């Protein structure tokens, strides 16, 4: 359920972002191959979820796959992640002045992976991460590792092959800061969602 809700909400949000950006900007925010590599890296980060800690209250009684609940979650969290994509788009265009496709695409590529992996720790539990419910060591390790890989890829021949370019440490630091801000907003949204729908995962 953690994986399904993460995948549907983040993918829905990304589809919204790509649709909006494709209308606004003179180029695609990411090419198909960049989206595939991004999705592959993010999925590698989620491969450790079967080894994650599970909150005690979640396993007190059997759970059923509720499609209505899944749709509600997707339509709630997806647009929220898309909103932050729009913030990054605006920042990249107006502050970074990244008006060339390669630089713009690289920044969003790196941000998407970092923010999704941060977001994974918000979604994986109804509690506050690091305080009420710690992830397992494999989940923490894979998250950090994939974030590092995402930052390094634009510097490698693989990055060059898929159209990515170096973006600099300052830009990466700002993307991490925006991702952390997203976590704060997502946590507030999570508490509202739980209060309204009486559930999370």
N, C-alpha and C. Protein backbone atom coordinates (compact mmCIF):
# COMPACT_ATOMS: atom_id res chain seq x y z
N UNK A 1 0.83 -1.21 0.00
CA UNK A 1 0.00 0.00 0.00
C UNK A 1 0.86 1.26 0.00
N UNK A 2 1.98 1.21 0.71
CA UNK A 2 2.88 2.36 0.69
C UNK A 2 3.34 2.64 -0.74
N UNK A 3 3.79 1.59 -1.40
CA UNK A 3 4.32 1.76 -2.76
C UNK A 3 3.22 2.23 -3.71
N UNK A 4 2.04 1.60 -3.64
CA UNK A 4 0.95 1.94 -4.55
C UNK A 4 0.53 3.39 -4.39
N UNK A 5 0.38 3.83 -3.15
CA UNK A 5 -0.06 5.21 -2.93
C UNK A 5 1.03 6.22 -3.32
N UNK A 6 2.28 5.87 -3.06
CA UNK A 6 3.37 6.75 -3.49
C UNK A 6 3.41 6.85 -5.01
N UNK A 7 3.38 5.69 -5.67
CA UNK A 7 3.51 5.66 -7.12
C UNK A 7 2.37 6.41 -7.80
N UNK A 8 1.14 6.16 -7.37
CA UNK A 8 0.00 6.80 -8.03
C UNK A 8 -0.02 8.31 -7.80
N UNK A 9 0.27 8.74 -6.57
CA UNK A 9 0.21 10.18 -6.28
C UNK A 9 1.34 10.94 -6.97
N UNK A 10 2.57 10.43 -6.89
CA UNK A 10 3.70 11.12 -7.51
C UNK A 10 3.59 11.10 -9.03
N UNK A 11 3.18 9.97 -9.60
CA UNK A 11 3.06 9.88 -11.05
C UNK A 11 1.95 10.78 -11.57
N UNK A 12 0.83 10.83 -10.84
CA UNK A 12 -0.26 11.72 -11.23
C UNK A 12 0.20 13.18 -11.18
N UNK A 13 0.91 13.53 -10.12
CA UNK A 13 1.43 14.90 -9.99
C UNK A 13 2.39 15.23 -11.11
N UNK A 14 3.24 14.26 -11.47
CA UNK A 14 4.22 14.52 -12.52
C UNK A 14 3.55 14.67 -13.88
N UNK A 15 2.52 13.89 -14.13
CA UNK A 15 1.77 14.02 -15.38
C UNK A 15 1.17 15.42 -15.48
N UNK A 16 0.58 15.90 -14.39
CA UNK A 16 0.02 17.26 -14.37
C UNK A 16 1.11 18.29 -14.68
N UNK A 17 2.27 18.11 -14.06
CA UNK A 17 3.36 19.06 -14.24
C UNK A 17 3.85 19.08 -15.68
N UNK A 18 3.99 17.89 -16.27
CA UNK A 18 4.46 17.81 -17.66
C UNK A 18 3.46 18.46 -18.60
N UNK A 19 2.17 18.23 -18.35
CA UNK A 19 1.14 18.82 -19.21
C UNK A 19 1.18 20.35 -19.15
N UNK A 20 1.27 20.89 -17.94
CA UNK A 20 1.30 22.35 -17.78
C UNK A 20 2.56 22.93 -18.39
N UNK A 21 3.71 22.31 -18.07
CA UNK A 21 4.99 22.83 -18.56
C UNK A 21 5.08 22.75 -20.09
N UNK A 22 4.50 21.72 -20.67
CA UNK A 22 4.54 21.56 -22.13
C UNK A 22 3.79 22.67 -22.84
N UNK A 23 2.81 23.24 -22.16
CA UNK A 23 2.04 24.35 -22.73
C UNK A 23 2.78 25.68 -22.54
N UNK A 24 3.41 25.83 -21.38
CA UNK A 24 4.04 27.12 -21.01
C UNK A 24 5.39 27.32 -21.66
N UNK A 25 6.25 26.27 -21.65
CA UNK A 25 7.63 26.42 -22.09
C UNK A 25 7.83 25.97 -23.54
N UNK A 26 8.87 26.46 -24.18
CA UNK A 26 9.10 26.12 -25.60
C UNK A 26 9.74 24.76 -25.81
N UNK A 27 9.90 23.99 -24.72
CA UNK A 27 10.47 22.65 -24.82
C UNK A 27 9.86 21.78 -23.73
N UNK A 28 10.05 20.48 -23.84
CA UNK A 28 9.55 19.57 -22.81
C UNK A 28 10.37 19.73 -21.54
N UNK A 29 9.74 19.68 -20.35
CA UNK A 29 10.50 19.80 -19.11
C UNK A 29 11.44 18.63 -18.89
N UNK A 30 11.11 17.48 -19.46
CA UNK A 30 11.99 16.32 -19.47
C UNK A 30 11.70 15.51 -20.72
N UNK A 31 12.73 14.92 -21.29
CA UNK A 31 12.54 14.07 -22.46
C UNK A 31 12.06 12.70 -21.99
N UNK A 32 11.48 11.90 -22.89
CA UNK A 32 11.02 10.55 -22.50
C UNK A 32 12.10 9.70 -21.84
N UNK A 33 13.33 9.72 -22.39
CA UNK A 33 14.37 8.88 -21.81
C UNK A 33 14.78 9.39 -20.43
N UNK A 34 14.74 10.71 -20.22
CA UNK A 34 15.04 11.25 -18.90
C UNK A 34 13.97 10.83 -17.89
N UNK A 35 12.72 10.84 -18.30
CA UNK A 35 11.63 10.40 -17.42
C UNK A 35 11.77 8.93 -17.07
N UNK A 36 12.19 8.12 -18.04
CA UNK A 36 12.38 6.69 -17.79
C UNK A 36 13.52 6.45 -16.79
N UNK A 37 14.63 7.15 -16.98
CA UNK A 37 15.76 7.00 -16.05
C UNK A 37 15.38 7.50 -14.67
N UNK A 38 14.68 8.63 -14.62
CA UNK A 38 14.22 9.16 -13.33
C UNK A 38 13.32 8.15 -12.61
N UNK A 39 12.36 7.58 -13.36
CA UNK A 39 11.46 6.60 -12.77
C UNK A 39 12.19 5.35 -12.30
N UNK A 40 13.19 4.93 -13.07
CA UNK A 40 13.98 3.76 -12.70
C UNK A 40 14.74 4.00 -11.40
N UNK A 41 15.37 5.16 -11.29
CA UNK A 41 16.11 5.49 -10.07
C UNK A 41 15.18 5.56 -8.86
N UNK A 42 14.04 6.22 -9.06
CA UNK A 42 13.09 6.35 -7.96
C UNK A 42 12.58 4.98 -7.53
N UNK A 43 12.32 4.10 -8.50
CA UNK A 43 11.85 2.75 -8.15
C UNK A 43 12.93 1.96 -7.42
N UNK A 44 14.20 2.17 -7.78
CA UNK A 44 15.28 1.54 -7.03
C UNK A 44 15.25 2.00 -5.58
N UNK A 45 14.95 3.27 -5.38
CA UNK A 45 14.85 3.80 -4.02
C UNK A 45 13.72 3.18 -3.22
N UNK A 46 12.67 2.73 -3.93
CA UNK A 46 11.51 2.13 -3.26
C UNK A 46 11.64 0.61 -3.09
N UNK A 47 12.65 0.01 -3.68
CA UNK A 47 12.81 -1.45 -3.59
C UNK A 47 13.02 -1.93 -2.16
N UNK A 48 13.45 -1.02 -1.29
CA UNK A 48 13.70 -1.40 0.09
C UNK A 48 12.44 -1.31 0.96
N UNK A 49 11.33 -0.83 0.40
CA UNK A 49 10.10 -0.68 1.20
C UNK A 49 9.61 -1.99 1.83
N UNK A 50 9.78 -3.16 1.17
CA UNK A 50 9.37 -4.40 1.84
C UNK A 50 10.13 -4.67 3.14
N UNK A 51 11.27 -4.02 3.32
CA UNK A 51 12.06 -4.19 4.54
C UNK A 51 11.82 -3.06 5.54
N UNK A 52 10.86 -2.19 5.23
CA UNK A 52 10.61 -1.04 6.09
C UNK A 52 9.92 -1.44 7.38
N UNK A 53 10.09 -0.60 8.40
CA UNK A 53 9.33 -0.79 9.64
C UNK A 53 7.86 -0.43 9.38
N UNK A 54 6.97 -1.14 10.02
CA UNK A 54 5.54 -0.89 9.88
C UNK A 54 4.98 -0.47 11.23
N UNK A 55 4.22 0.61 11.24
CA UNK A 55 3.64 1.08 12.49
C UNK A 55 2.73 0.01 13.09
N UNK A 56 2.84 -0.15 14.41
CA UNK A 56 2.11 -1.22 15.10
C UNK A 56 0.60 -1.16 14.87
N UNK A 57 0.04 0.05 14.89
CA UNK A 57 -1.41 0.18 14.74
C UNK A 57 -1.90 -0.20 13.34
N UNK A 58 -0.97 -0.18 12.37
CA UNK A 58 -1.36 -0.52 11.00
C UNK A 58 -1.62 -2.01 10.82
N UNK A 59 -0.99 -2.84 11.64
CA UNK A 59 -1.12 -4.30 11.47
C UNK A 59 -2.01 -4.94 12.54
N UNK A 60 -2.78 -4.12 13.24
CA UNK A 60 -3.66 -4.68 14.27
C UNK A 60 -4.82 -5.46 13.67
N UNK A 61 -5.22 -5.07 12.46
CA UNK A 61 -6.31 -5.78 11.79
C UNK A 61 -6.03 -5.82 10.29
N UNK A 62 -6.59 -6.78 9.57
CA UNK A 62 -6.34 -6.91 8.13
C UNK A 62 -6.78 -5.66 7.36
N UNK A 63 -6.05 -5.38 6.30
CA UNK A 63 -6.37 -4.24 5.44
C UNK A 63 -6.84 -4.75 4.07
N UNK A 64 -7.75 -4.01 3.47
CA UNK A 64 -8.22 -4.34 2.13
C UNK A 64 -7.82 -3.23 1.17
N UNK A 65 -7.61 -3.60 -0.09
CA UNK A 65 -7.31 -2.61 -1.11
C UNK A 65 -8.58 -1.85 -1.45
N UNK A 66 -8.62 -0.58 -1.11
CA UNK A 66 -9.79 0.26 -1.31
C UNK A 66 -9.49 1.22 -2.46
N UNK A 67 -10.08 0.96 -3.63
CA UNK A 67 -9.81 1.78 -4.82
C UNK A 67 -10.26 3.22 -4.61
N UNK A 68 -11.39 3.42 -3.94
CA UNK A 68 -11.88 4.76 -3.69
C UNK A 68 -10.89 5.55 -2.83
N UNK A 69 -10.36 4.88 -1.81
CA UNK A 69 -9.37 5.52 -0.94
C UNK A 69 -8.11 5.86 -1.73
N UNK A 70 -7.73 4.96 -2.62
CA UNK A 70 -6.54 5.18 -3.45
C UNK A 70 -6.72 6.39 -4.35
N UNK A 71 -7.90 6.52 -4.97
CA UNK A 71 -8.19 7.66 -5.83
C UNK A 71 -8.19 8.96 -5.04
N UNK A 72 -8.80 8.92 -3.86
CA UNK A 72 -8.84 10.12 -3.01
C UNK A 72 -7.44 10.57 -2.66
N UNK A 73 -6.59 9.62 -2.29
CA UNK A 73 -5.21 9.91 -1.93
C UNK A 73 -4.46 10.50 -3.12
N UNK A 74 -4.63 9.89 -4.29
CA UNK A 74 -3.95 10.32 -5.50
C UNK A 74 -4.34 11.75 -5.87
N UNK A 75 -5.64 12.04 -5.82
CA UNK A 75 -6.12 13.37 -6.20
C UNK A 75 -5.81 14.43 -5.14
N UNK A 76 -5.43 13.99 -3.95
CA UNK A 76 -5.07 14.92 -2.88
C UNK A 76 -3.57 15.23 -2.92
N UNK A 77 -2.74 14.18 -2.92
CA UNK A 77 -1.30 14.37 -2.84
C UNK A 77 -0.66 14.68 -4.18
N UNK A 78 -1.25 14.17 -5.27
CA UNK A 78 -0.69 14.41 -6.60
C UNK A 78 -0.60 15.89 -6.95
N UNK A 79 -1.71 16.63 -6.86
CA UNK A 79 -1.65 18.07 -7.16
C UNK A 79 -0.72 18.85 -6.23
N UNK A 80 -0.56 18.38 -4.99
CA UNK A 80 0.34 19.06 -4.07
C UNK A 80 1.79 18.97 -4.57
N UNK A 81 2.19 17.77 -4.99
CA UNK A 81 3.55 17.63 -5.53
C UNK A 81 3.70 18.40 -6.83
N UNK A 82 2.63 18.45 -7.63
CA UNK A 82 2.66 19.20 -8.87
C UNK A 82 2.80 20.69 -8.61
N UNK A 83 2.16 21.19 -7.55
CA UNK A 83 2.28 22.60 -7.17
C UNK A 83 3.74 22.96 -6.92
N UNK A 84 4.47 22.08 -6.24
CA UNK A 84 5.88 22.36 -5.97
C UNK A 84 6.71 22.24 -7.24
N UNK A 85 6.29 21.38 -8.17
CA UNK A 85 6.95 21.36 -9.47
C UNK A 85 6.82 22.72 -10.15
N UNK A 86 5.63 23.32 -10.04
CA UNK A 86 5.41 24.63 -10.65
C UNK A 86 6.32 25.69 -10.01
N UNK A 87 6.50 25.57 -8.69
CA UNK A 87 7.39 26.50 -7.99
C UNK A 87 8.81 26.35 -8.52
N UNK A 88 9.24 25.10 -8.70
CA UNK A 88 10.59 24.85 -9.23
C UNK A 88 10.70 25.37 -10.66
N UNK A 89 9.67 25.12 -11.47
CA UNK A 89 9.68 25.64 -12.84
C UNK A 89 9.90 27.15 -12.85
N UNK A 90 9.13 27.85 -12.02
CA UNK A 90 9.23 29.31 -11.96
C UNK A 90 10.62 29.74 -11.49
N UNK A 91 11.13 29.04 -10.48
CA UNK A 91 12.45 29.37 -9.93
C UNK A 91 13.53 29.15 -10.98
N UNK A 92 13.43 28.02 -11.68
CA UNK A 92 14.43 27.68 -12.70
C UNK A 92 14.41 28.71 -13.83
N UNK A 93 13.23 29.12 -14.22
CA UNK A 93 13.10 30.02 -15.37
C UNK A 93 13.46 31.46 -15.03
N UNK A 94 12.94 31.95 -13.89
CA UNK A 94 13.10 33.37 -13.58
C UNK A 94 14.32 33.68 -12.71
N UNK A 95 14.73 32.75 -11.85
CA UNK A 95 15.87 33.00 -10.96
C UNK A 95 17.16 32.41 -11.54
N UNK A 96 17.13 31.13 -11.90
CA UNK A 96 18.31 30.50 -12.48
C UNK A 96 18.54 30.92 -13.93
N UNK A 97 17.49 31.49 -14.56
CA UNK A 97 17.57 31.89 -15.97
C UNK A 97 17.96 30.72 -16.87
N UNK A 98 17.43 29.55 -16.53
CA UNK A 98 17.73 28.34 -17.31
C UNK A 98 16.76 28.26 -18.48
N UNK A 99 17.05 29.02 -19.52
CA UNK A 99 16.16 29.09 -20.68
C UNK A 99 16.54 28.10 -21.77
N UNK A 100 17.64 27.35 -21.54
CA UNK A 100 17.99 26.30 -22.49
C UNK A 100 17.44 24.97 -21.98
N UNK A 101 17.03 24.12 -22.89
CA UNK A 101 16.33 22.88 -22.53
C UNK A 101 17.17 21.98 -21.63
N UNK A 102 18.45 21.79 -21.95
CA UNK A 102 19.27 20.83 -21.21
C UNK A 102 19.41 21.21 -19.73
N UNK A 103 19.69 22.48 -19.47
CA UNK A 103 19.85 22.92 -18.08
C UNK A 103 18.52 22.83 -17.33
N UNK A 104 17.46 23.28 -17.95
CA UNK A 104 16.13 23.21 -17.34
C UNK A 104 15.78 21.76 -17.01
N UNK A 105 15.96 20.87 -17.97
CA UNK A 105 15.60 19.46 -17.79
C UNK A 105 16.45 18.81 -16.70
N UNK A 106 17.73 19.17 -16.64
CA UNK A 106 18.61 18.59 -15.63
C UNK A 106 18.17 19.00 -14.23
N UNK A 107 17.82 20.27 -14.06
CA UNK A 107 17.40 20.75 -12.74
C UNK A 107 16.13 20.03 -12.30
N UNK A 108 15.17 19.89 -13.21
CA UNK A 108 13.93 19.21 -12.81
C UNK A 108 14.16 17.72 -12.59
N UNK A 109 15.05 17.13 -13.37
CA UNK A 109 15.40 15.71 -13.20
C UNK A 109 15.92 15.47 -11.78
N UNK A 110 16.87 16.29 -11.37
CA UNK A 110 17.47 16.13 -10.03
C UNK A 110 16.44 16.43 -8.95
N UNK A 111 15.69 17.51 -9.13
CA UNK A 111 14.68 17.87 -8.13
C UNK A 111 13.62 16.78 -7.98
N UNK A 112 13.15 16.25 -9.08
CA UNK A 112 12.08 15.24 -9.03
C UNK A 112 12.48 14.04 -8.20
N UNK A 113 13.71 13.57 -8.40
CA UNK A 113 14.17 12.40 -7.65
C UNK A 113 14.34 12.74 -6.17
N UNK A 114 14.99 13.87 -5.88
CA UNK A 114 15.22 14.25 -4.48
C UNK A 114 13.89 14.47 -3.75
N UNK A 115 12.98 15.22 -4.36
CA UNK A 115 11.71 15.53 -3.69
C UNK A 115 10.84 14.28 -3.51
N UNK A 116 10.85 13.39 -4.50
CA UNK A 116 10.07 12.16 -4.38
C UNK A 116 10.60 11.25 -3.27
N UNK A 117 11.91 11.20 -3.14
CA UNK A 117 12.49 10.36 -2.08
C UNK A 117 12.27 10.98 -0.70
N UNK A 118 12.32 12.30 -0.62
CA UNK A 118 11.94 12.97 0.63
C UNK A 118 10.46 12.69 0.92
N UNK A 119 9.64 12.84 -0.11
CA UNK A 119 8.21 12.62 0.04
C UNK A 119 7.87 11.20 0.45
N UNK A 120 8.68 10.25 0.01
CA UNK A 120 8.47 8.86 0.39
C UNK A 120 8.44 8.69 1.90
N UNK A 121 9.28 9.45 2.60
CA UNK A 121 9.35 9.33 4.06
C UNK A 121 8.16 10.01 4.74
N UNK A 122 7.51 10.93 4.04
CA UNK A 122 6.28 11.53 4.57
C UNK A 122 5.11 10.56 4.39
N UNK A 123 5.06 9.92 3.23
CA UNK A 123 3.93 9.06 2.91
C UNK A 123 3.99 7.70 3.61
N UNK A 124 5.17 7.21 3.91
CA UNK A 124 5.32 5.84 4.42
C UNK A 124 4.68 5.62 5.79
N UNK A 125 4.33 6.67 6.49
CA UNK A 125 3.73 6.53 7.82
C UNK A 125 2.74 7.67 8.07
N UNK A 126 1.74 7.35 8.88
CA UNK A 126 0.78 8.39 9.27
C UNK A 126 1.37 9.30 10.34
N UNK A 127 2.48 8.88 10.93
CA UNK A 127 3.13 9.68 11.97
C UNK A 127 4.15 10.62 11.35
N UNK A 128 4.80 11.39 12.20
CA UNK A 128 5.87 12.26 11.72
C UNK A 128 7.15 11.45 11.57
N UNK A 129 7.78 11.48 10.39
CA UNK A 129 9.04 10.74 10.22
C UNK A 129 10.12 11.30 11.13
N UNK A 130 11.04 10.45 11.53
CA UNK A 130 12.16 10.79 12.41
C UNK A 130 11.73 11.03 13.85
N UNK A 131 10.43 11.20 14.08
CA UNK A 131 9.96 11.46 15.44
C UNK A 131 9.04 10.33 15.91
N UNK A 132 7.96 10.10 15.18
CA UNK A 132 7.00 9.09 15.61
C UNK A 132 7.20 7.73 14.99
N UNK A 133 7.87 7.68 13.82
CA UNK A 133 8.04 6.42 13.12
C UNK A 133 9.27 6.47 12.24
N UNK A 134 10.32 5.80 12.67
CA UNK A 134 11.55 5.77 11.90
C UNK A 134 11.50 4.71 10.82
N UNK A 135 12.02 5.04 9.65
CA UNK A 135 12.14 4.05 8.58
C UNK A 135 13.24 3.06 8.94
N UNK A 136 13.26 1.93 8.25
CA UNK A 136 14.32 0.95 8.48
C UNK A 136 15.63 1.47 7.88
N UNK A 137 16.73 0.89 8.29
CA UNK A 137 18.04 1.32 7.79
C UNK A 137 18.15 1.14 6.27
N UNK A 138 17.65 0.03 5.69
CA UNK A 138 17.73 -0.09 4.22
C UNK A 138 17.00 1.03 3.49
N UNK A 139 15.86 1.48 4.03
CA UNK A 139 15.10 2.56 3.39
C UNK A 139 15.87 3.87 3.46
N UNK A 140 16.45 4.17 4.63
CA UNK A 140 17.26 5.38 4.75
C UNK A 140 18.46 5.31 3.80
N UNK A 141 19.12 4.16 3.79
CA UNK A 141 20.33 4.00 2.97
C UNK A 141 20.02 4.17 1.49
N UNK A 142 18.97 3.52 1.02
CA UNK A 142 18.63 3.59 -0.40
C UNK A 142 18.22 5.01 -0.80
N UNK A 143 17.52 5.70 0.09
CA UNK A 143 17.10 7.07 -0.21
C UNK A 143 18.31 7.97 -0.40
N UNK A 144 19.24 7.90 0.54
CA UNK A 144 20.45 8.73 0.46
C UNK A 144 21.28 8.37 -0.77
N UNK A 145 21.42 7.06 -1.02
CA UNK A 145 22.23 6.61 -2.14
C UNK A 145 21.66 7.09 -3.48
N UNK A 146 20.36 6.94 -3.66
CA UNK A 146 19.74 7.34 -4.94
C UNK A 146 19.78 8.85 -5.11
N UNK A 147 19.65 9.61 -4.02
CA UNK A 147 19.77 11.07 -4.13
C UNK A 147 21.18 11.45 -4.61
N UNK A 148 22.19 10.79 -4.06
CA UNK A 148 23.57 11.05 -4.47
C UNK A 148 23.76 10.70 -5.94
N UNK A 149 23.21 9.56 -6.34
CA UNK A 149 23.31 9.12 -7.75
C UNK A 149 22.64 10.15 -8.66
N UNK A 150 21.47 10.67 -8.24
CA UNK A 150 20.74 11.66 -9.05
C UNK A 150 21.57 12.92 -9.26
N UNK A 151 22.30 13.32 -8.24
CA UNK A 151 23.13 14.53 -8.33
C UNK A 151 24.36 14.28 -9.20
N UNK A 152 24.89 13.05 -9.15
CA UNK A 152 26.12 12.73 -9.88
C UNK A 152 25.87 12.45 -11.37
N UNK A 153 24.72 11.85 -11.69
CA UNK A 153 24.46 11.42 -13.07
C UNK A 153 24.70 12.51 -14.12
N UNK A 154 24.27 13.77 -13.89
CA UNK A 154 24.53 14.80 -14.91
C UNK A 154 26.01 15.03 -15.20
N UNK A 155 26.89 14.57 -14.31
CA UNK A 155 28.33 14.76 -14.48
C UNK A 155 28.98 13.61 -15.23
N UNK A 156 28.21 12.58 -15.54
CA UNK A 156 28.74 11.35 -16.12
C UNK A 156 28.41 11.24 -17.61
N UNK A 157 29.08 10.32 -18.30
CA UNK A 157 28.74 10.07 -19.71
C UNK A 157 27.29 9.62 -19.89
N UNK A 158 26.74 8.91 -18.90
CA UNK A 158 25.34 8.50 -18.98
C UNK A 158 24.44 9.73 -19.00
N UNK A 159 24.75 10.68 -18.12
CA UNK A 159 23.98 11.92 -18.08
C UNK A 159 24.06 12.66 -19.40
N UNK A 160 25.26 12.74 -19.95
CA UNK A 160 25.44 13.41 -21.24
C UNK A 160 24.65 12.70 -22.34
N UNK A 161 24.63 11.38 -22.28
CA UNK A 161 23.93 10.58 -23.29
C UNK A 161 22.43 10.86 -23.30
N UNK A 162 21.86 11.09 -22.09
CA UNK A 162 20.41 11.34 -22.02
C UNK A 162 20.07 12.83 -22.01
N UNK A 163 21.08 13.66 -22.26
CA UNK A 163 20.83 15.09 -22.44
C UNK A 163 20.93 15.94 -21.20
N UNK A 164 21.58 15.44 -20.15
CA UNK A 164 21.74 16.21 -18.92
C UNK A 164 23.08 16.94 -18.92
N UNK A 165 23.14 18.02 -18.14
CA UNK A 165 24.37 18.83 -18.05
C UNK A 165 24.66 19.14 -16.58
N UNK A 166 25.92 19.44 -16.22
CA UNK A 166 26.24 19.83 -14.83
C UNK A 166 25.48 21.08 -14.43
N UNK A 167 25.04 21.14 -13.16
CA UNK A 167 24.24 22.29 -12.71
C UNK A 167 24.85 23.04 -11.52
N UNK A 168 25.84 22.48 -10.86
CA UNK A 168 26.50 23.20 -9.78
C UNK A 168 25.94 22.90 -8.40
N UNK A 169 26.80 23.00 -7.40
CA UNK A 169 26.43 22.67 -6.02
C UNK A 169 25.39 23.62 -5.45
N UNK A 170 25.48 24.90 -5.84
CA UNK A 170 24.53 25.89 -5.31
C UNK A 170 23.10 25.55 -5.73
N UNK A 171 22.94 25.16 -6.98
CA UNK A 171 21.62 24.80 -7.47
C UNK A 171 21.09 23.56 -6.74
N UNK A 172 21.95 22.57 -6.54
CA UNK A 172 21.55 21.35 -5.84
C UNK A 172 21.11 21.68 -4.42
N UNK A 173 21.85 22.57 -3.75
CA UNK A 173 21.50 22.97 -2.39
C UNK A 173 20.12 23.62 -2.33
N UNK A 174 19.82 24.46 -3.32
CA UNK A 174 18.50 25.11 -3.37
C UNK A 174 17.41 24.08 -3.62
N UNK A 175 17.68 23.11 -4.48
CA UNK A 175 16.70 22.06 -4.76
C UNK A 175 16.42 21.23 -3.50
N UNK A 176 17.45 20.97 -2.72
CA UNK A 176 17.26 20.24 -1.47
C UNK A 176 16.42 21.07 -0.50
N UNK A 177 16.68 22.37 -0.45
CA UNK A 177 15.92 23.26 0.43
C UNK A 177 14.45 23.29 0.03
N UNK A 178 14.18 23.37 -1.27
CA UNK A 178 12.79 23.34 -1.73
C UNK A 178 12.13 22.01 -1.38
N UNK A 179 12.88 20.92 -1.51
CA UNK A 179 12.36 19.59 -1.19
C UNK A 179 12.02 19.49 0.30
N UNK A 180 12.86 20.07 1.14
CA UNK A 180 12.58 20.06 2.58
C UNK A 180 11.34 20.89 2.90
N UNK A 181 11.17 22.00 2.19
CA UNK A 181 9.98 22.82 2.37
C UNK A 181 8.74 22.05 1.93
N UNK A 182 8.88 21.29 0.84
CA UNK A 182 7.78 20.43 0.39
C UNK A 182 7.41 19.44 1.49
N UNK A 183 8.41 18.89 2.17
CA UNK A 183 8.13 17.93 3.25
C UNK A 183 7.32 18.57 4.37
N UNK A 184 7.64 19.81 4.69
CA UNK A 184 6.90 20.52 5.74
C UNK A 184 5.45 20.70 5.33
N UNK A 185 5.24 21.18 4.11
CA UNK A 185 3.88 21.40 3.61
C UNK A 185 3.13 20.08 3.49
N UNK A 186 3.81 19.04 3.00
CA UNK A 186 3.18 17.72 2.85
C UNK A 186 2.79 17.14 4.20
N UNK A 187 3.59 17.39 5.22
CA UNK A 187 3.27 16.91 6.57
C UNK A 187 2.02 17.60 7.10
N UNK A 188 1.91 18.90 6.88
CA UNK A 188 0.71 19.64 7.28
C UNK A 188 -0.50 19.11 6.52
N UNK A 189 -0.33 18.87 5.21
CA UNK A 189 -1.42 18.33 4.39
C UNK A 189 -1.81 16.93 4.87
N UNK A 190 -0.82 16.17 5.30
CA UNK A 190 -1.09 14.81 5.80
C UNK A 190 -1.97 14.85 7.04
N UNK A 191 -1.67 15.73 7.96
CA UNK A 191 -2.48 15.84 9.17
C UNK A 191 -3.92 16.26 8.83
N UNK A 192 -4.06 17.15 7.86
CA UNK A 192 -5.40 17.56 7.42
C UNK A 192 -6.12 16.39 6.79
N UNK A 193 -5.42 15.63 5.96
CA UNK A 193 -6.03 14.48 5.27
C UNK A 193 -6.50 13.44 6.29
N UNK A 194 -5.66 13.13 7.25
CA UNK A 194 -6.01 12.14 8.27
C UNK A 194 -7.21 12.61 9.09
N UNK A 195 -7.23 13.88 9.41
CA UNK A 195 -8.34 14.43 10.18
C UNK A 195 -9.65 14.35 9.40
N UNK A 196 -9.56 14.58 8.08
CA UNK A 196 -10.76 14.59 7.26
C UNK A 196 -11.22 13.18 6.88
N UNK A 197 -10.28 12.32 6.48
CA UNK A 197 -10.65 11.00 5.95
C UNK A 197 -10.43 9.85 6.94
N UNK A 198 -9.86 10.14 8.09
CA UNK A 198 -9.67 9.15 9.16
C UNK A 198 -8.77 7.98 8.72
N UNK A 199 -7.84 8.23 7.80
CA UNK A 199 -6.93 7.19 7.37
C UNK A 199 -5.73 7.85 6.69
N UNK A 200 -4.72 7.04 6.41
CA UNK A 200 -3.58 7.51 5.63
C UNK A 200 -3.16 6.41 4.65
N UNK A 201 -2.42 5.44 5.12
CA UNK A 201 -2.04 4.32 4.25
C UNK A 201 -3.10 3.22 4.33
